[in-house]
C-alpha atoms as a PDB file:
ATOM      1  CA  UNK A   1       0.000   0.000   0.000  1.00  0.00           C
ATOM      2  CA  UNK A   2       1.401   3.397  -0.946  1.00  0.00           C
ATOM      3  CA  UNK A   3       2.017   5.784   1.834  1.00  0.00           C
ATOM      4  CA  UNK A   4      -0.226   8.844   1.842  1.00  0.00           C
ATOM      5  CA  UNK A   5       1.740  12.034   1.429  1.00  0.00           C
ATOM      6  CA  UNK A   6       1.449  14.326   4.377  1.00  0.00           C
ATOM      7  CA  UNK A   7       0.586  17.888   3.399  1.00  0.00           C
ATOM      8  CA  UNK A   8       2.092  20.812   5.205  1.00  0.00           C
ATOM      9  CA  UNK A   9      -0.469  22.532   7.360  1.00  0.00           C
ATOM     10  CA  UNK A  10      -1.799  25.803   5.961  1.00  0.00           C
ATOM     11  CA  UNK A  11      -0.292  28.630   7.938  1.00  0.00           C
ATOM     12  CA  UNK A  12      -2.719  30.662   9.975  1.00  0.00           C
ATOM     13  CA  UNK A  13      -3.740  34.094   8.711  1.00  0.00           C
ATOM     14  CA  UNK A  14      -2.016  35.705  11.623  1.00  0.00           C
ATOM     15  CA  UNK A  15       1.306  34.125  10.670  1.00  0.00           C
ATOM     16  CA  UNK A  16       1.330  35.593   7.143  1.00  0.00           C
ATOM     17  CA  UNK A  17       3.223  38.888   7.083  1.00  0.00           C
ATOM     18  CA  UNK A  18       1.023  41.624   5.681  1.00  0.00           C
ATOM     19  CA  UNK A  19       2.475  43.502   2.748  1.00  0.00           C
ATOM     20  CA  UNK A  20       2.162  47.242   2.642  1.00  0.00           C
ATOM     21  CA  UNK A  21       0.246  47.795  -0.591  1.00  0.00           C
ATOM     22  CA  UNK A  22       0.174  51.605  -0.069  1.00  0.00           C
ATOM     23  CA  UNK A  23       3.797  52.740   0.064  1.00  0.00           C
ATOM     24  CA  UNK A  24       2.860  56.387   0.197  1.00  0.00           C
ATOM     25  CA  UNK A  25       1.925  58.250   3.325  1.00  0.00           C
ATOM     26  CA  UNK A  26      -0.907  60.704   3.508  1.00  0.00           C
ATOM     27  CA  UNK A  27       0.394  64.264   3.766  1.00  0.00           C
ATOM     28  CA  UNK A  28      -0.525  65.933   7.023  1.00  0.00           C
ATOM     29  CA  UNK A  29      -3.581  68.126   6.943  1.00  0.00           C
ATOM     30  CA  UNK A  30      -2.660  71.802   6.925  1.00  0.00           C
ATOM     31  CA  UNK A  31      -3.575  73.508  10.150  1.00  0.00           C
ATOM     32  CA  UNK A  32      -5.708  76.622  10.019  1.00  0.00           C
ATOM     33  CA  UNK A  33      -2.928  78.479  11.840  1.00  0.00           C
ATOM     34  CA  UNK A  34      -0.592  77.667   8.942  1.00  0.00           C
ATOM     35  CA  UNK A  35      -3.011  78.913   6.285  1.00  0.00           C
ATOM     36  CA  UNK A  36      -2.790  82.352   4.712  1.00  0.00           C
ATOM     37  CA  UNK A  37      -5.907  84.375   5.604  1.00  0.00           C
ATOM     38  CA  UNK A  38      -5.921  85.956   2.136  1.00  0.00           C
ATOM     39  CA  UNK A  39      -5.415  83.074  -0.329  1.00  0.00           C
ATOM     40  CA  UNK A  40      -6.484  80.299   2.091  1.00  0.00           C
ATOM     41  CA  UNK A  41      -3.451  78.175   1.111  1.00  0.00           C
ATOM     42  CA  UNK A  42      -0.367  77.073   2.993  1.00  0.00           C
ATOM     43  CA  UNK A  43       1.667  80.117   4.006  1.00  0.00           C
ATOM     44  CA  UNK A  44       4.433  80.589   1.457  1.00  0.00           C
ATOM     45  CA  UNK A  45       7.371  82.840   2.319  1.00  0.00           C
ATOM     46  CA  UNK A  46       5.353  84.191   5.250  1.00  0.00           C
ATOM     47  CA  UNK A  47       5.664  87.802   6.327  1.00  0.00           C
ATOM     48  CA  UNK A  48       4.663  89.148   9.709  1.00  0.00           C
ATOM     49  CA  UNK A  49       3.085  92.559  10.105  1.00  0.00           C
ATOM     50  CA  UNK A  50       3.692  95.016  12.880  1.00  0.00           C
ATOM     51  CA  UNK A  51       0.159  94.282  14.095  1.00  0.00           C
ATOM     52  CA  UNK A  52       1.120  90.592  14.514  1.00  0.00           C
ATOM     53  CA  UNK A  53      -0.648  89.078  11.492  1.00  0.00           C
ATOM     54  CA  UNK A  54       1.001  86.566   9.159  1.00  0.00           C
ATOM     55  CA  UNK A  55       0.298  86.036   5.474  1.00  0.00           C
ATOM     56  CA  UNK A  56       2.064  85.094   2.249  1.00  0.00           C
ATOM     57  CA  UNK A  57       4.671  87.489   0.923  1.00  0.00           C
ATOM     58  CA  UNK A  58       2.947  87.703  -2.453  1.00  0.00           C
ATOM     59  CA  UNK A  59      -0.460  88.287  -0.839  1.00  0.00           C
ATOM     60  CA  UNK A  60       0.916  91.150   1.264  1.00  0.00           C
ATOM     61  CA  UNK A  61       2.631  92.628  -1.788  1.00  0.00           C
ATOM     62  CA  UNK A  62      -0.591  92.512  -3.792  1.00  0.00           C
ATOM     63  CA  UNK A  63      -2.595  94.000  -0.942  1.00  0.00           C
ATOM     64  CA  UNK A  64      -0.022  96.737  -0.333  1.00  0.00           C
ATOM     65  CA  UNK A  65      -0.181  97.724  -3.994  1.00  0.00           C
ATOM     66  CA  UNK A  66      -3.919  98.399  -3.848  1.00  0.00           C
ATOM     67  CA  UNK A  67      -3.991  99.829  -0.330  1.00  0.00           C
ATOM     68  CA  UNK A  68      -0.909 102.044  -0.346  1.00  0.00           C
ATOM     69  CA  UNK A  69      -1.807 105.579   0.582  1.00  0.00           C
ATOM     70  CA  UNK A  70      -0.428 108.138  -1.875  1.00  0.00           C
ATOM     71  CA  UNK A  71      -1.054 111.066   0.445  1.00  0.00           C
ATOM     72  CA  UNK A  72       1.887 113.260   1.284  1.00  0.00           C
ATOM     73  CA  UNK A  73       2.945 113.455   4.928  1.00  0.00           C
ATOM     74  CA  UNK A  74       4.473 116.637   6.324  1.00  0.00           C
ATOM     75  CA  UNK A  75       7.715 115.894   8.146  1.00  0.00           C
ATOM     76  CA  UNK A  76      10.278 117.996   9.974  1.00  0.00           C
ATOM     77  CA  UNK A  77      12.500 119.863   7.539  1.00  0.00           C
ATOM     78  CA  UNK A  78      15.494 118.748   9.607  1.00  0.00           C
ATOM     79  CA  UNK A  79      14.663 115.059   9.067  1.00  0.00           C
ATOM     80  CA  UNK A  80      17.796 113.103   8.180  1.00  0.00           C
ATOM     81  CA  UNK A  81      16.875 111.943   4.700  1.00  0.00           C
ATOM     82  CA  UNK A  82      19.993 109.803   4.326  1.00  0.00           C
ATOM     83  CA  UNK A  83      18.794 107.504   7.145  1.00  0.00           C
ATOM     84  CA  UNK A  84      15.502 106.927   5.319  1.00  0.00           C
ATOM     85  CA  UNK A  85      16.888 106.255   1.873  1.00  0.00           C
ATOM     86  CA  UNK A  86      16.658 102.661   0.670  1.00  0.00           C
ATOM     87  CA  UNK A  87      17.438 101.323  -2.783  1.00  0.00           C
ATOM     88  CA  UNK A  88      16.356  97.760  -2.000  1.00  0.00           C
ATOM     89  CA  UNK A  89      13.845  96.029  -4.290  1.00  0.00           C
ATOM     90  CA  UNK A  90      10.316  95.898  -2.984  1.00  0.00           C
ATOM     91  CA  UNK A  91      10.058  92.778  -0.799  1.00  0.00           C
ATOM     92  CA  UNK A  92       6.505  92.078   0.355  1.00  0.00           C
ATOM     93  CA  UNK A  93       5.801  95.225   2.338  1.00  0.00           C
ATOM     94  CA  UNK A  94       9.285  95.611   3.776  1.00  0.00           C
ATOM     95  CA  UNK A  95       9.432  99.055   5.359  1.00  0.00           C
ATOM     96  CA  UNK A  96       6.473 100.087   3.219  1.00  0.00           C
ATOM     97  CA  UNK A  97       3.498 101.420   5.117  1.00  0.00           C
ATOM     98  CA  UNK A  98       0.219  99.859   4.032  1.00  0.00           C
ATOM     99  CA  UNK A  99      -3.015  98.882   5.706  1.00  0.00           C
ATOM    100  CA  UNK A 100      -3.091  95.345   7.094  1.00  0.00           C
ATOM    101  CA  UNK A 101      -5.687  93.252   5.198  1.00  0.00           C
ATOM    102  CA  UNK A 102      -6.855  91.743   8.488  1.00  0.00           C
ATOM    103  CA  UNK A 103      -7.286  94.704  10.858  1.00  0.00           C
ATOM    104  CA  UNK A 104      -6.765  97.675   8.469  1.00  0.00           C
ATOM    105  CA  UNK A 105      -4.035  99.062  10.718  1.00  0.00           C
ATOM    106  CA  UNK A 106      -1.344 101.095   8.970  1.00  0.00           C
ATOM    107  CA  UNK A 107       1.670  98.829   9.329  1.00  0.00           C
ATOM    108  CA  UNK A 108       4.790  97.345   7.778  1.00  0.00           C
ATOM    109  CA  UNK A 109       5.756  93.699   7.277  1.00  0.00           C
ATOM    110  CA  UNK A 110       8.950  91.685   7.146  1.00  0.00           C
ATOM    111  CA  UNK A 111       9.841  88.157   6.086  1.00  0.00           C
ATOM    112  CA  UNK A 112       9.578  85.568   8.897  1.00  0.00           C
ATOM    113  CA  UNK A 113      12.480  83.248   8.108  1.00  0.00           C
ATOM    114  CA  UNK A 114      11.960  81.071  11.185  1.00  0.00           C
ATOM    115  CA  UNK A 115       8.301  80.433  10.369  1.00  0.00           C
ATOM    116  CA  UNK A 116       9.184  79.705   6.746  1.00  0.00           C
ATOM    117  CA  UNK A 117      11.666  77.020   7.781  1.00  0.00           C
ATOM    118  CA  UNK A 118       9.165  75.489  10.201  1.00  0.00           C
ATOM    119  CA  UNK A 119       6.535  75.222   7.460  1.00  0.00           C
ATOM    120  CA  UNK A 120       8.969  73.592   5.040  1.00  0.00           C
ATOM    121  CA  UNK A 121       9.793  70.964   7.633  1.00  0.00           C
ATOM    122  CA  UNK A 122       6.193  70.383   8.692  1.00  0.00           C
ATOM    123  CA  UNK A 123       4.659  70.257   5.181  1.00  0.00           C
ATOM    124  CA  UNK A 124       7.459  69.277   2.763  1.00  0.00           C
ATOM    125  CA  UNK A 125       5.167  68.187  -0.094  1.00  0.00           C
ATOM    126  CA  UNK A 126       2.720  71.066   0.199  1.00  0.00           C
ATOM    127  CA  UNK A 127       5.533  73.600   0.507  1.00  0.00           C
ATOM    128  CA  UNK A 128       7.264  72.190  -2.576  1.00  0.00           C
ATOM    129  CA  UNK A 129       4.013  72.580  -4.473  1.00  0.00           C
ATOM    130  CA  UNK A 130       3.640  76.170  -3.286  1.00  0.00           C
ATOM    131  CA  UNK A 131       7.231  76.782  -4.350  1.00  0.00           C
ATOM    132  CA  UNK A 132       6.405  75.629  -7.866  1.00  0.00           C
ATOM    133  CA  UNK A 133       3.224  77.716  -7.945  1.00  0.00           C
ATOM    134  CA  UNK A 134       5.017  80.724  -6.488  1.00  0.00           C
ATOM    135  CA  UNK A 135       7.602  80.877  -9.264  1.00  0.00           C
ATOM    136  CA  UNK A 136       5.881  82.879 -11.989  1.00  0.00           C
ATOM    137  CA  UNK A 137       6.883  82.225 -15.577  1.00  0.00           C
ATOM    138  CA  UNK A 138       5.139  85.297 -16.977  1.00  0.00           C
ATOM    139  CA  UNK A 139       7.757  88.054 -17.482  1.00  0.00           C
ATOM    140  CA  UNK A 140       5.207  90.699 -16.505  1.00  0.00           C
ATOM    141  CA  UNK A 141       4.861  89.225 -13.019  1.00  0.00           C
ATOM    142  CA  UNK A 142       8.587  89.003 -12.360  1.00  0.00           C
ATOM    143  CA  UNK A 143       9.259  92.700 -12.686  1.00  0.00           C
ATOM    144  CA  UNK A 144      10.866  94.090  -9.579  1.00  0.00           C
ATOM    145  CA  UNK A 145       8.874  96.590  -7.587  1.00  0.00           C
ATOM    146  CA  UNK A 146      10.711  99.264  -5.679  1.00  0.00           C
ATOM    147  CA  UNK A 147       9.579 101.693  -3.044  1.00  0.00           C
ATOM    148  CA  UNK A 148      10.702 105.209  -3.874  1.00  0.00           C
ATOM    149  CA  UNK A 149      10.548 107.869  -1.177  1.00  0.00           C
ATOM    150  CA  UNK A 150      10.246 111.455  -2.396  1.00  0.00           C
ATOM    151  CA  UNK A 151      11.010 114.345  -0.077  1.00  0.00           C
ATOM    152  CA  UNK A 152       9.521 117.536  -1.481  1.00  0.00           C
ATOM    153  CA  UNK A 153       9.633 120.993   0.020  1.00  0.00           C
ATOM    154  CA  UNK A 154      11.354 124.332   0.175  1.00  0.00           C
ATOM    155  CA  UNK A 155      13.815 126.174   2.328  1.00  0.00           C
ATOM    156  CA  UNK A 156      13.230 129.831   3.103  1.00  0.00           C
ATOM    157  CA  UNK A 157      15.162 132.825   4.337  1.00  0.00           C
ATOM    158  CA  UNK A 158      13.972 136.388   4.817  1.00  0.00           C
ATOM    159  CA  UNK A 159      16.359 138.853   3.244  1.00  0.00           C
ATOM    160  CA  UNK A 160      16.879 142.622   3.196  1.00  0.00           C
ATOM    161  CA  UNK A 161      16.063 144.294  -0.143  1.00  0.00           C
ATOM    162  CA  UNK A 162      19.199 145.352  -1.985  1.00  0.00           C
ATOM    163  CA  UNK A 163      17.365 148.054  -3.945  1.00  0.00           C
ATOM    164  CA  UNK A 164      15.569 151.100  -2.489  1.00  0.00           C
ATOM    165  CA  UNK A 165      11.876 150.439  -2.021  1.00  0.00           C
ATOM    166  CA  UNK A 166       9.691 152.280  -4.543  1.00  0.00           C
ATOM    167  CA  UNK A 167       6.713 153.486  -2.523  1.00  0.00           C
ATOM    168  CA  UNK A 168       4.744 154.046  -5.744  1.00  0.00           C
ATOM    169  CA  UNK A 169       5.026 150.368  -6.678  1.00  0.00           C
ATOM    170  CA  UNK A 170       2.202 148.336  -5.055  1.00  0.00           C
ATOM    171  CA  UNK A 171       4.168 145.108  -5.470  1.00  0.00           C
ATOM    172  CA  UNK A 172       5.921 144.070  -2.228  1.00  0.00           C
ATOM    173  CA  UNK A 173       9.716 143.899  -2.421  1.00  0.00           C
ATOM    174  CA  UNK A 174      11.400 140.577  -3.125  1.00  0.00           C
ATOM    175  CA  UNK A 175      12.478 139.612   0.350  1.00  0.00           C
ATOM    176  CA  UNK A 176      11.981 135.833   0.333  1.00  0.00           C
ATOM    177  CA  UNK A 177      14.933 133.733  -0.767  1.00  0.00           C
ATOM    178  CA  UNK A 178      13.641 130.204  -1.328  1.00  0.00           C
ATOM    179  CA  UNK A 179      14.791 126.920  -2.784  1.00  0.00           C
ATOM    180  CA  UNK A 180      12.347 124.315  -4.013  1.00  0.00           C
ATOM    181  CA  UNK A 181      13.762 120.786  -3.838  1.00  0.00           C
ATOM    182  CA  UNK A 182      12.859 117.229  -4.765  1.00  0.00           C
ATOM    183  CA  UNK A 183      14.997 114.582  -3.079  1.00  0.00           C
ATOM    184  CA  UNK A 184      14.336 110.982  -4.216  1.00  0.00           C
ATOM    185  CA  UNK A 185      15.617 108.031  -2.208  1.00  0.00           C
ATOM    186  CA  UNK A 186      17.059 106.568  -5.414  1.00  0.00           C
ATOM    187  CA  UNK A 187      18.022 109.369  -7.822  1.00  0.00           C
ATOM    188  CA  UNK A 188      19.469 106.846 -10.290  1.00  0.00           C
ATOM    189  CA  UNK A 189      15.922 105.926 -11.361  1.00  0.00           C
ATOM    190  CA  UNK A 190      15.156 109.478 -12.497  1.00  0.00           C
ATOM    191  CA  UNK A 191      15.836 110.662 -16.028  1.00  0.00           C
ATOM    192  CA  UNK A 192      14.943 114.287 -15.354  1.00  0.00           C
ATOM    193  CA  UNK A 193      12.670 116.579 -13.366  1.00  0.00           C
ATOM    194  CA  UNK A 194      10.679 119.428 -14.944  1.00  0.00           C
ATOM    195  CA  UNK A 195      10.007 122.195 -12.419  1.00  0.00           C
ATOM    196  CA  UNK A 196       7.229 124.621 -13.333  1.00  0.00           C
ATOM    197  CA  UNK A 197       7.157 128.100 -11.723  1.00  0.00           C
ATOM    198  CA  UNK A 198       4.828 131.030 -12.100  1.00  0.00           C
ATOM    199  CA  UNK A 199       4.955 132.716 -15.540  1.00  0.00           C
ATOM    200  CA  UNK A 200       6.473 135.849 -13.981  1.00  0.00           C
ATOM    201  CA  UNK A 201       9.722 133.939 -13.450  1.00  0.00           C
ATOM    202  CA  UNK A 202      12.149 133.588 -16.318  1.00  0.00           C
ATOM    203  CA  UNK A 203      12.511 130.846 -17.217  1.00  0.00           C
ATOM    204  CA  UNK A 204       9.192 129.542 -15.922  1.00  0.00           C
ATOM    205  CA  UNK A 205      10.225 125.924 -16.554  1.00  0.00           C
ATOM    206  CA  UNK A 206      13.483 124.510 -15.263  1.00  0.00           C
ATOM    207  CA  UNK A 207      14.732 121.046 -16.234  1.00  0.00           C
ATOM    208  CA  UNK A 208      17.131 119.176 -13.987  1.00  0.00           C
ATOM    209  CA  UNK A 209      18.795 116.042 -15.383  1.00  0.00           C
ATOM    210  CA  UNK A 210      20.859 115.148 -12.321  1.00  0.00           C
ATOM    211  CA  UNK A 211      20.825 115.832  -8.570  1.00  0.00           C
ATOM    212  CA  UNK A 212      20.260 118.147  -6.890  1.00  0.00           C
ATOM    213  CA  UNK A 213      16.756 118.483  -8.349  1.00  0.00           C
ATOM    214  CA  UNK A 214      16.081 121.989  -7.097  1.00  0.00           C
ATOM    215  CA  UNK A 215      15.704 125.612  -8.082  1.00  0.00           C
ATOM    216  CA  UNK A 216      16.382 128.792  -6.080  1.00  0.00           C
ATOM    217  CA  UNK A 217      14.703 132.141  -6.566  1.00  0.00           C
ATOM    218  CA  UNK A 218      14.007 135.454  -4.830  1.00  0.00           C
ATOM    219  CA  UNK A 219      10.387 136.538  -4.655  1.00  0.00           C
ATOM    220  CA  UNK A 220       7.711 138.309  -2.670  1.00  0.00           C
ATOM    221  CA  UNK A 221       4.840 135.762  -2.413  1.00  0.00           C
ATOM    222  CA  UNK A 222       4.006 132.087  -2.268  1.00  0.00           C
ATOM    223  CA  UNK A 223       2.598 129.964  -5.081  1.00  0.00           C
ATOM    224  CA  UNK A 224       2.313 126.291  -6.036  1.00  0.00           C
ATOM    225  CA  UNK A 225       5.300 124.682  -7.731  1.00  0.00           C
ATOM    226  CA  UNK A 226       4.609 121.725 -10.012  1.00  0.00           C
ATOM    227  CA  UNK A 227       7.274 119.111 -10.679  1.00  0.00           C
ATOM    228  CA  UNK A 228       7.017 116.424 -13.343  1.00  0.00           C
ATOM    229  CA  UNK A 229       9.234 113.460 -12.492  1.00  0.00           C
ATOM    230  CA  UNK A 230      10.369 111.374 -15.461  1.00  0.00           C
ATOM    231  CA  UNK A 231      11.778 107.886 -14.923  1.00  0.00           C
ATOM    232  CA  UNK A 232      14.536 106.321 -16.955  1.00  0.00           C
ATOM    233  CA  UNK A 233      13.619 104.026 -19.844  1.00  0.00           C
ATOM    234  CA  UNK A 234      12.287 100.675 -18.704  1.00  0.00           C
ATOM    235  CA  UNK A 235      10.693 101.963 -15.482  1.00  0.00           C
ATOM    236  CA  UNK A 236       7.143 103.086 -14.787  1.00  0.00           C
ATOM    237  CA  UNK A 237       5.232 104.550 -11.861  1.00  0.00           C
ATOM    238  CA  UNK A 238       2.747 102.324 -10.031  1.00  0.00           C
ATOM    239  CA  UNK A 239       0.406 105.197  -9.293  1.00  0.00           C
ATOM    240  CA  UNK A 240      -3.137 106.094 -10.321  1.00  0.00           C
ATOM    241  CA  UNK A 241      -2.028 109.568 -11.453  1.00  0.00           C
ATOM    242  CA  UNK A 242       0.954 108.434 -13.519  1.00  0.00           C
ATOM    243  CA  UNK A 243       1.043 109.703 -17.090  1.00  0.00           C
ATOM    244  CA  UNK A 244       2.936 108.750 -20.216  1.00  0.00           C
ATOM    245  CA  UNK A 245       6.221 110.601 -20.545  1.00  0.00           C
ATOM    246  CA  UNK A 246       6.801 112.993 -23.470  1.00  0.00           C
ATOM    247  CA  UNK A 247       8.731 110.279 -25.344  1.00  0.00           C
ATOM    248  CA  UNK A 248       5.742 107.925 -25.083  1.00  0.00           C
ATOM    249  CA  UNK A 249       6.906 105.694 -22.224  1.00  0.00           C
ATOM    250  CA  UNK A 250       3.788 104.307 -20.544  1.00  0.00           C
ATOM    251  CA  UNK A 251       3.425 105.515 -16.957  1.00  0.00           C
ATOM    252  CA  UNK A 252       6.855 107.097 -17.063  1.00  0.00           C
ATOM    253  CA  UNK A 253       5.908 110.509 -15.637  1.00  0.00           C
ATOM    254  CA  UNK A 254       4.418 111.548 -12.302  1.00  0.00           C
ATOM    255  CA  UNK A 255       3.400 115.079 -11.371  1.00  0.00           C
ATOM    256  CA  UNK A 256       3.631 116.416  -7.822  1.00  0.00           C
ATOM    257  CA  UNK A 257       2.723 119.809  -6.384  1.00  0.00           C
ATOM    258  CA  UNK A 258       4.152 121.828  -3.518  1.00  0.00           C
ATOM    259  CA  UNK A 259       2.897 125.097  -2.064  1.00  0.00           C
ATOM    260  CA  UNK A 260       5.847 127.266  -1.086  1.00  0.00           C
ATOM    261  CA  UNK A 261       6.054 127.863   2.645  1.00  0.00           C
ATOM    262  CA  UNK A 262       7.582 131.146   3.809  1.00  0.00           C
ATOM    263  CA  UNK A 263       6.954 130.548   7.507  1.00  0.00           C
ATOM    264  CA  UNK A 264      10.276 130.248   9.271  1.00  0.00           C
ATOM    265  CA  UNK A 265      12.858 128.119   7.498  1.00  0.00           C
ATOM    266  CA  UNK A 266      10.402 126.377   5.173  1.00  0.00           C
ATOM    267  CA  UNK A 267       8.892 122.917   5.319  1.00  0.00           C
ATOM    268  CA  UNK A 268       9.033 119.466   3.741  1.00  0.00           C
ATOM    269  CA  UNK A 269       6.706 116.604   2.844  1.00  0.00           C
ATOM    270  CA  UNK A 270       7.299 112.900   2.287  1.00  0.00           C
ATOM    271  CA  UNK A 271       5.633 110.813  -0.395  1.00  0.00           C
ATOM    272  CA  UNK A 272       6.127 107.078  -0.807  1.00  0.00           C
ATOM    273  CA  UNK A 273       5.397 105.696  -4.253  1.00  0.00           C
ATOM    274  CA  UNK A 274       6.082 102.525  -6.178  1.00  0.00           C
ATOM    275  CA  UNK A 275       8.188 102.004  -9.278  1.00  0.00           C
ATOM    276  CA  UNK A 276       8.145  98.975 -11.535  1.00  0.00           C
END
């Protein structure tokens, strides 16, 4: 009689090692605290405002562009302009005053490097995707924005008339020595400045092609000086009142006005504008 072959017992289900059919891991869900309040995506290159809000650098830059106040602020004529001059490219809202999109407080923002590194470590896949999305290929979107600070004003000194006063002449004597000035934080961006005076002055239009952009006169009364600021080729003003320059450059000219101040030593205003 042939011996019956003994079969090996079927191993129990618990003894079979389970294979991992899904080799990928599910990316962690992005916390609400790590989401930009503007675009509702993972914070990318986060900036922190002075009012303690955090959002994407590009979102703050876009918001600052539409919310930037173009109103001139009067500052002390003795303000040290050199300390305020910056030629750095526009980076989010770095040192640029704009209203926070969350609380509408006038504030500035700066890049939060520590938070950026934390997000890259916490969400490597999502951050890589944001990196790819945040690298624009359109040349129009890669143009560098700069913040240009313009200090505009006039100095003043009361002088003694050098000629005898003609009592029959109703016009007051020219006793006010004044200098109108325009001091940009980056003069290398300017092609020239056209300064328009009252028609009684000769010449009534003065063109300055290099610093100092100023004109000095002796007169008897105040009036409004208009200055047309022309940028060099390839640059344009990011301003609602920008005009095409005489040579046809789109948005290449910006006009500003200043009322001469003969009280004391004069006065000065500060205007922050954007250049692309």
